[in-house]
Amino acid sequence: MSSPKNEVVFDLVKNSSLYREYLAEREEILRHKWIESEKAGRDIGFERALLDWIIKYRSGWRDLRVKPSPPPAAAGERSEATVP
């Protein structure tokens, strides 16, 4: 049986941004493992998928998660991309 203190600690961890980032990264690694395993025709294993994903994709993935998306242009406004 878990104590109330343990439940509070678990809730803090579960709701922390660090834990959410860990879960999101783990999901990406598992997705990469599935894709690469399908290409190879066999299970490549978590460690190989982890190392491959870190080397090839991690920095770009983190950059995209950190950068805020630009706000959508209001109706009738022109964005910099559409200015001649």
N, C-alpha and C. Protein backbone atom coordinates (compact mmCIF):
# COMPACT_ATOMS: atom_id res chain seq x y z
N MET A 1 0.85 -1.18 0.00
CA MET A 1 0.00 0.00 0.00
C MET A 1 0.89 1.24 0.00
N SER A 2 0.59 2.19 -0.85
CA SER A 2 1.43 3.39 -0.93
C SER A 2 0.97 4.43 0.09
N SER A 3 1.92 5.18 0.57
CA SER A 3 1.60 6.21 1.55
C SER A 3 1.17 7.48 0.83
N PRO A 4 0.43 8.36 1.53
CA PRO A 4 0.03 9.63 0.92
C PRO A 4 1.23 10.46 0.46
N LYS A 5 2.35 10.37 1.20
CA LYS A 5 3.55 11.12 0.82
C LYS A 5 4.07 10.64 -0.53
N ASN A 6 4.10 9.32 -0.75
CA ASN A 6 4.55 8.76 -2.02
C ASN A 6 3.66 9.21 -3.17
N GLU A 7 2.35 9.28 -2.92
CA GLU A 7 1.42 9.71 -3.96
C GLU A 7 1.64 11.17 -4.33
N VAL A 8 1.94 12.01 -3.35
CA VAL A 8 2.21 13.43 -3.60
C VAL A 8 3.48 13.57 -4.43
N VAL A 9 4.51 12.82 -4.07
CA VAL A 9 5.78 12.88 -4.80
C VAL A 9 5.55 12.41 -6.23
N PHE A 10 4.81 11.32 -6.42
CA PHE A 10 4.54 10.81 -7.76
C PHE A 10 3.77 11.84 -8.58
N ASP A 11 2.80 12.50 -7.97
CA ASP A 11 2.03 13.53 -8.69
C ASP A 11 2.93 14.69 -9.10
N LEU A 12 3.86 15.08 -8.24
CA LEU A 12 4.80 16.16 -8.60
C LEU A 12 5.66 15.76 -9.78
N VAL A 13 6.16 14.54 -9.74
CA VAL A 13 7.02 14.06 -10.83
C VAL A 13 6.20 13.95 -12.11
N LYS A 14 5.03 13.35 -12.01
CA LYS A 14 4.18 13.12 -13.18
C LYS A 14 3.79 14.43 -13.86
N ASN A 15 3.63 15.48 -13.10
CA ASN A 15 3.21 16.77 -13.65
C ASN A 15 4.37 17.70 -13.98
N SER A 16 5.60 17.26 -13.77
CA SER A 16 6.73 18.15 -14.03
C SER A 16 7.02 18.22 -15.53
N SER A 17 7.54 19.35 -15.96
CA SER A 17 7.85 19.52 -17.38
C SER A 17 8.99 18.60 -17.79
N LEU A 18 9.91 18.33 -16.90
CA LEU A 18 11.02 17.42 -17.21
C LEU A 18 10.51 16.02 -17.51
N TYR A 19 9.56 15.55 -16.71
CA TYR A 19 9.00 14.22 -16.92
C TYR A 19 8.21 14.17 -18.22
N ARG A 20 7.47 15.23 -18.52
CA ARG A 20 6.70 15.28 -19.78
C ARG A 20 7.65 15.27 -20.98
N GLU A 21 8.78 15.96 -20.88
CA GLU A 21 9.77 15.95 -21.96
C GLU A 21 10.37 14.54 -22.11
N TYR A 22 10.64 13.90 -20.99
CA TYR A 22 11.15 12.53 -21.03
C TYR A 22 10.17 11.61 -21.76
N LEU A 23 8.89 11.71 -21.42
CA LEU A 23 7.88 10.85 -22.05
C LEU A 23 7.76 11.14 -23.54
N ALA A 24 7.81 12.42 -23.92
CA ALA A 24 7.71 12.78 -25.33
C ALA A 24 8.92 12.25 -26.10
N GLU A 25 10.11 12.37 -25.52
CA GLU A 25 11.32 11.88 -26.17
C GLU A 25 11.28 10.36 -26.29
N ARG A 26 10.84 9.70 -25.26
CA ARG A 26 10.74 8.23 -25.28
C ARG A 26 9.77 7.78 -26.37
N GLU A 27 8.67 8.49 -26.51
CA GLU A 27 7.70 8.16 -27.56
C GLU A 27 8.33 8.29 -28.95
N GLU A 28 9.11 9.33 -29.16
CA GLU A 28 9.79 9.52 -30.45
C GLU A 28 10.80 8.40 -30.71
N ILE A 29 11.52 7.99 -29.67
CA ILE A 29 12.50 6.91 -29.82
C ILE A 29 11.79 5.60 -30.16
N LEU A 30 10.68 5.32 -29.49
CA LEU A 30 9.93 4.10 -29.79
C LEU A 30 9.36 4.14 -31.20
N ARG A 31 8.92 5.31 -31.65
CA ARG A 31 8.43 5.45 -33.03
C ARG A 31 9.58 5.18 -34.01
N HIS A 32 10.75 5.75 -33.72
CA HIS A 32 11.93 5.54 -34.56
C HIS A 32 12.31 4.06 -34.58
N LYS A 33 12.24 3.40 -33.43
CA LYS A 33 12.55 1.97 -33.34
C LYS A 33 11.61 1.17 -34.23
N TRP A 34 10.34 1.50 -34.22
CA TRP A 34 9.37 0.79 -35.04
C TRP A 34 9.67 1.00 -36.53
N ILE A 35 9.90 2.24 -36.93
CA ILE A 35 10.16 2.54 -38.34
C ILE A 35 11.43 1.83 -38.82
N GLU A 36 12.51 1.95 -38.05
CA GLU A 36 13.77 1.33 -38.46
C GLU A 36 13.69 -0.20 -38.41
N SER A 37 12.93 -0.75 -37.48
CA SER A 37 12.74 -2.20 -37.42
C SER A 37 11.97 -2.68 -38.64
N GLU A 38 10.97 -1.92 -39.06
CA GLU A 38 10.22 -2.27 -40.28
C GLU A 38 11.15 -2.25 -41.49
N LYS A 39 12.00 -1.24 -41.59
CA LYS A 39 12.94 -1.16 -42.71
C LYS A 39 13.91 -2.34 -42.71
N ALA A 40 14.38 -2.72 -41.52
CA ALA A 40 15.36 -3.80 -41.40
C ALA A 40 14.72 -5.19 -41.51
N GLY A 41 13.41 -5.25 -41.33
CA GLY A 41 12.73 -6.54 -41.36
C GLY A 41 12.91 -7.35 -40.09
N ARG A 42 13.39 -6.68 -39.03
CA ARG A 42 13.57 -7.33 -37.73
C ARG A 42 13.60 -6.26 -36.65
N ASP A 43 13.48 -6.69 -35.41
CA ASP A 43 13.53 -5.76 -34.28
C ASP A 43 14.98 -5.31 -34.08
N ILE A 44 15.23 -4.01 -34.18
CA ILE A 44 16.60 -3.51 -34.02
C ILE A 44 16.97 -3.29 -32.56
N GLY A 45 16.01 -3.33 -31.67
CA GLY A 45 16.28 -3.16 -30.25
C GLY A 45 16.24 -1.69 -29.83
N PHE A 46 15.95 -1.49 -28.55
CA PHE A 46 15.79 -0.13 -28.04
C PHE A 46 17.11 0.63 -28.02
N GLU A 47 18.18 -0.03 -27.60
CA GLU A 47 19.47 0.67 -27.49
C GLU A 47 19.96 1.19 -28.84
N ARG A 48 19.86 0.36 -29.87
CA ARG A 48 20.28 0.80 -31.20
C ARG A 48 19.40 1.94 -31.69
N ALA A 49 18.09 1.82 -31.48
CA ALA A 49 17.18 2.88 -31.89
C ALA A 49 17.47 4.17 -31.12
N LEU A 50 17.74 4.05 -29.84
CA LEU A 50 18.06 5.21 -29.01
C LEU A 50 19.29 5.93 -29.53
N LEU A 51 20.37 5.21 -29.73
CA LEU A 51 21.61 5.83 -30.20
C LEU A 51 21.44 6.43 -31.59
N ASP A 52 20.77 5.72 -32.48
CA ASP A 52 20.54 6.21 -33.84
C ASP A 52 19.71 7.49 -33.81
N TRP A 53 18.65 7.50 -33.00
CA TRP A 53 17.77 8.67 -32.91
C TRP A 53 18.51 9.87 -32.32
N ILE A 54 19.31 9.63 -31.29
CA ILE A 54 20.07 10.73 -30.68
C ILE A 54 21.03 11.34 -31.69
N ILE A 55 21.75 10.51 -32.42
CA ILE A 55 22.73 11.00 -33.39
C ILE A 55 22.06 11.74 -34.54
N LYS A 56 20.96 11.20 -35.04
CA LYS A 56 20.34 11.76 -36.25
C LYS A 56 19.30 12.84 -36.00
N TYR A 57 18.51 12.72 -34.95
CA TYR A 57 17.30 13.53 -34.85
C TYR A 57 17.12 14.35 -33.58
N ARG A 58 17.80 14.03 -32.51
CA ARG A 58 17.49 14.64 -31.22
C ARG A 58 17.61 16.16 -31.21
N SER A 59 18.70 16.69 -31.73
CA SER A 59 18.89 18.14 -31.65
C SER A 59 17.81 18.88 -32.44
N GLY A 60 17.48 18.40 -33.62
CA GLY A 60 16.42 19.03 -34.41
C GLY A 60 15.07 18.92 -33.74
N TRP A 61 14.79 17.76 -33.15
CA TRP A 61 13.52 17.54 -32.46
C TRP A 61 13.39 18.49 -31.27
N ARG A 62 14.48 18.63 -30.51
CA ARG A 62 14.44 19.52 -29.34
C ARG A 62 14.30 20.97 -29.76
N ASP A 63 14.98 21.36 -30.84
CA ASP A 63 14.85 22.74 -31.34
C ASP A 63 13.41 23.04 -31.71
N LEU A 64 12.75 22.11 -32.37
CA LEU A 64 11.35 22.33 -32.75
C LEU A 64 10.44 22.42 -31.53
N ARG A 65 10.74 21.67 -30.49
CA ARG A 65 9.90 21.71 -29.28
C ARG A 65 10.12 22.99 -28.49
N VAL A 66 11.31 23.55 -28.56
CA VAL A 66 11.63 24.75 -27.78
C VAL A 66 11.15 26.01 -28.46
N LYS A 67 11.27 26.07 -29.79
CA LYS A 67 10.88 27.27 -30.53
C LYS A 67 9.37 27.44 -30.52
N PRO A 68 8.89 28.62 -30.14
CA PRO A 68 7.46 28.85 -30.22
C PRO A 68 7.05 29.02 -31.68
N SER A 69 5.87 28.56 -32.00
CA SER A 69 5.36 28.71 -33.36
C SER A 69 5.01 30.17 -33.59
N PRO A 70 5.25 30.69 -34.80
CA PRO A 70 4.86 32.07 -35.07
C PRO A 70 3.34 32.18 -35.08
N PRO A 71 2.82 33.31 -34.62
CA PRO A 71 1.36 33.45 -34.62
C PRO A 71 0.84 33.49 -36.05
N PRO A 72 -0.36 32.96 -36.27
CA PRO A 72 -0.91 32.99 -37.63
C PRO A 72 -1.22 34.42 -38.04
N ALA A 73 -1.04 34.72 -39.31
CA ALA A 73 -1.32 36.07 -39.82
C ALA A 73 -2.83 36.31 -39.78
N ALA A 74 -3.20 37.51 -39.41
CA ALA A 74 -4.62 37.87 -39.39
C ALA A 74 -5.11 37.99 -40.83
N ALA A 75 -6.39 37.86 -41.02
CA ALA A 75 -6.97 37.96 -42.36
C ALA A 75 -6.58 39.29 -42.99
N GLY A 76 -6.09 39.24 -44.21
CA GLY A 76 -5.71 40.46 -44.92
C GLY A 76 -4.29 40.90 -44.69
N GLU A 77 -3.61 40.34 -43.67
CA GLU A 77 -2.22 40.69 -43.42
C GLU A 77 -1.32 39.83 -44.27
N ARG A 78 -0.18 40.38 -44.62
CA ARG A 78 0.79 39.63 -45.38
C ARG A 78 1.95 39.25 -44.46
N SER A 79 2.37 38.01 -44.57
CA SER A 79 3.52 37.60 -43.78
C SER A 79 4.78 37.95 -44.53
N GLU A 80 5.92 37.87 -43.87
CA GLU A 80 7.20 38.17 -44.52
C GLU A 80 7.45 37.26 -45.68
N ALA A 81 6.96 36.03 -45.59
CA ALA A 81 7.19 35.06 -46.66
C ALA A 81 6.45 35.43 -47.94
N THR A 82 5.36 36.21 -47.82
CA THR A 82 4.57 36.54 -49.01
C THR A 82 4.89 37.93 -49.55
N VAL A 83 5.77 38.67 -48.87
CA VAL A 83 6.11 39.99 -49.34
C VAL A 83 7.05 39.87 -50.53
N PRO A 84 6.73 40.54 -51.67
CA PRO A 84 7.59 40.39 -52.85
C PRO A 84 8.92 41.07 -52.66
